Protein backbone atom coordinates (compact mmCIF):
# COMPACT_ATOMS: atom_id res chain seq x y z
CA MET A 1 66.51 94.35 86.07
CA THR A 2 69.04 91.63 85.99
CA PRO A 3 69.10 89.94 89.27
CA LEU A 4 72.49 90.04 91.27
CA ILE A 5 74.23 87.05 91.86
CA GLU A 6 77.11 86.37 93.80
CA LYS A 7 80.04 83.96 92.49
CA ASN A 8 83.67 83.85 94.03
CA GLY A 9 83.28 86.47 96.41
CA PHE A 10 81.71 89.19 94.10
CA ILE A 11 78.80 90.42 92.40
CA LEU A 12 77.90 89.44 89.01
CA VAL A 13 75.65 92.30 87.36
CA GLY A 14 74.76 90.31 84.14
CA HIS A 15 76.83 91.61 81.46
CA ASP A 16 79.87 89.69 80.78
CA PRO A 17 82.68 92.53 79.67
CA ILE A 18 81.76 94.03 83.07
CA ASP A 19 81.78 90.87 85.20
CA TYR A 20 84.96 90.06 83.38
CA ASP A 21 86.78 93.07 84.86
CA HIS A 22 84.98 92.59 88.03
CA ASP A 23 86.34 89.27 88.50
CA GLU A 24 90.01 90.54 87.40
CA PHE A 25 89.69 93.50 89.94
CA VAL A 26 88.40 91.33 93.02
CA MET A 27 91.56 88.40 91.98
CA LEU A 28 93.85 91.27 91.91
CA LEU A 29 92.84 92.66 95.44
CA SER A 30 93.14 89.69 96.57
CA ARG A 31 96.77 88.70 95.37
CA LEU A 32 97.47 92.26 96.76
CA ASN A 33 96.24 91.56 100.54
CA THR A 34 98.33 88.55 100.89
CA ALA A 35 101.31 89.98 99.05
CA ASP A 36 104.75 90.78 101.18
CA ASN A 37 105.67 94.26 101.59
CA ASN A 38 108.34 93.56 98.42
CA ASP A 39 105.67 92.49 96.27
CA PHE A 40 103.14 95.24 97.20
CA PRO A 41 104.17 98.22 95.46
CA ALA A 42 104.29 96.27 91.92
CA LEU A 43 100.67 94.61 92.53
CA PHE A 44 99.60 97.80 94.00
CA GLN A 45 100.60 99.53 90.49
CA GLU A 46 98.98 96.54 88.65
CA LEU A 47 95.51 97.10 90.30
CA PHE A 48 95.65 100.79 89.71
CA GLU A 49 96.58 100.08 85.72
CA HIS A 50 93.73 97.79 85.79
CA THR A 51 91.31 99.89 87.22
CA GLU A 52 92.02 102.74 85.24
CA GLN A 53 91.32 100.45 81.97
CA HIS A 54 88.09 99.01 83.53
CA PHE A 55 86.77 102.62 83.90
CA GLU A 56 87.69 103.48 80.50
CA ARG A 57 85.94 100.31 79.13
CA GLU A 58 82.89 101.29 81.37
CA ASN A 59 83.02 104.45 80.24
CA ARG A 60 83.24 103.57 76.33
CA LEU A 61 80.11 101.70 76.94
CA MET A 62 78.46 104.17 78.43
CA GLU A 63 79.35 106.81 75.88
CA GLN A 64 78.12 103.95 73.16
CA SER A 65 74.99 103.35 74.81
CA ALA A 66 73.85 106.53 75.52
CA PHE A 67 73.24 105.74 79.07
CA PRO A 68 71.43 108.50 81.11
CA ALA A 69 73.37 108.59 84.00
CA GLN A 70 76.91 108.36 82.68
CA THR A 71 77.92 112.05 84.00
CA GLU A 72 77.75 110.54 87.83
CA HIS A 73 78.72 107.15 86.84
CA LYS A 74 81.77 108.84 85.26
CA GLY A 75 82.33 111.14 87.90
CA GLU A 76 82.54 108.30 90.68
CA HIS A 77 85.37 106.86 88.50
CA LEU A 78 87.17 109.81 88.45
CA ARG A 79 86.68 110.28 92.49
CA VAL A 80 87.80 106.91 92.86
CA LEU A 81 90.99 107.21 90.85
CA GLY A 82 91.87 110.40 92.50
CA GLU A 83 91.92 108.59 95.65
CA PHE A 84 93.75 106.08 94.35
CA LYS A 85 96.52 108.21 93.08
CA GLN A 86 96.83 109.75 96.55
CA PHE A 87 97.61 106.06 98.08
CA LYS A 88 99.58 105.13 95.11
CA LYS A 89 101.93 108.43 95.65
CA ARG A 90 102.48 106.73 99.33
CA VAL A 91 102.81 103.39 98.46
CA ASP A 92 105.39 105.02 95.91
CA LYS A 93 107.27 106.18 98.60
CA GLY A 94 107.50 103.14 100.65
CA MET A 95 104.48 104.09 102.70
CA ILE A 96 103.03 100.48 102.16
CA ALA A 97 100.93 100.65 105.46
CA PHE A 98 98.51 103.33 103.66
CA GLY A 99 98.23 101.38 100.64
CA ARG A 100 97.21 98.46 102.64
CA SER A 101 94.72 100.08 104.59
CA PHE A 102 93.68 101.09 101.26
CA ALA A 103 93.44 98.01 99.72
CA ARG A 104 91.73 96.33 102.59
CA GLU A 105 89.44 98.86 104.21
CA ARG A 106 88.51 101.23 101.60
CA LEU A 107 88.56 99.44 98.40
CA PRO A 108 86.30 96.40 99.02
CA GLN A 109 83.57 98.53 100.71
CA TRP A 110 83.62 101.01 97.52
CA PHE A 111 83.60 98.40 95.17
CA GLU A 112 80.63 96.51 96.33
CA LEU A 113 78.67 99.60 97.01
CA HIS A 114 79.61 100.52 93.27
CA VAL A 115 78.87 97.21 92.02
CA THR A 116 75.39 96.85 93.55
CA THR A 117 74.19 100.60 92.61
CA MET A 118 75.83 102.13 89.44
CA ASP A 119 77.27 99.05 87.33
CA SER A 120 74.33 97.09 88.04
CA VAL A 121 72.22 99.82 86.70
CA LEU A 122 74.94 100.14 83.83
CA ALA A 123 74.48 96.51 82.97
CA ALA A 124 70.85 96.60 83.27
CA HIS A 125 70.60 99.02 80.39
CA LEU A 126 73.15 97.42 78.46
CA ASN A 127 71.56 94.43 78.17
CA THR A 128 67.95 95.90 77.42
CA ARG A 129 69.62 97.88 74.53
CA SER A 130 70.81 94.46 73.17
CA GLN A 131 67.42 93.22 73.50
CA GLY A 132 65.79 95.91 71.70
């Protein structure tokens, strides 16, 4: 398995397309956490859309490579998007504090766990298949 390396505050899984998406996610999350209340809703929307697209790309990689744990991984993507949508509804209604809490407390912890478990295993699978 590819060793995990930390770079710019996030963990590289060793598969460039996934690492690129993760870099973008961390950058957007950082911008969101420093945004004022006027800019917050648009940045929250941008992070949500990025996350949807990021998950779609990972889902395609899993399908194309016959990743054995794709059901569990896709299920986790659906769960997180569902939670994200609930917070987005609140942000859209002007409840910025709910979105800030999600962005500062929930997303970073989830992201680190997801990267070090599910995404690192997916990257190792993809890298093994590309070498074979």
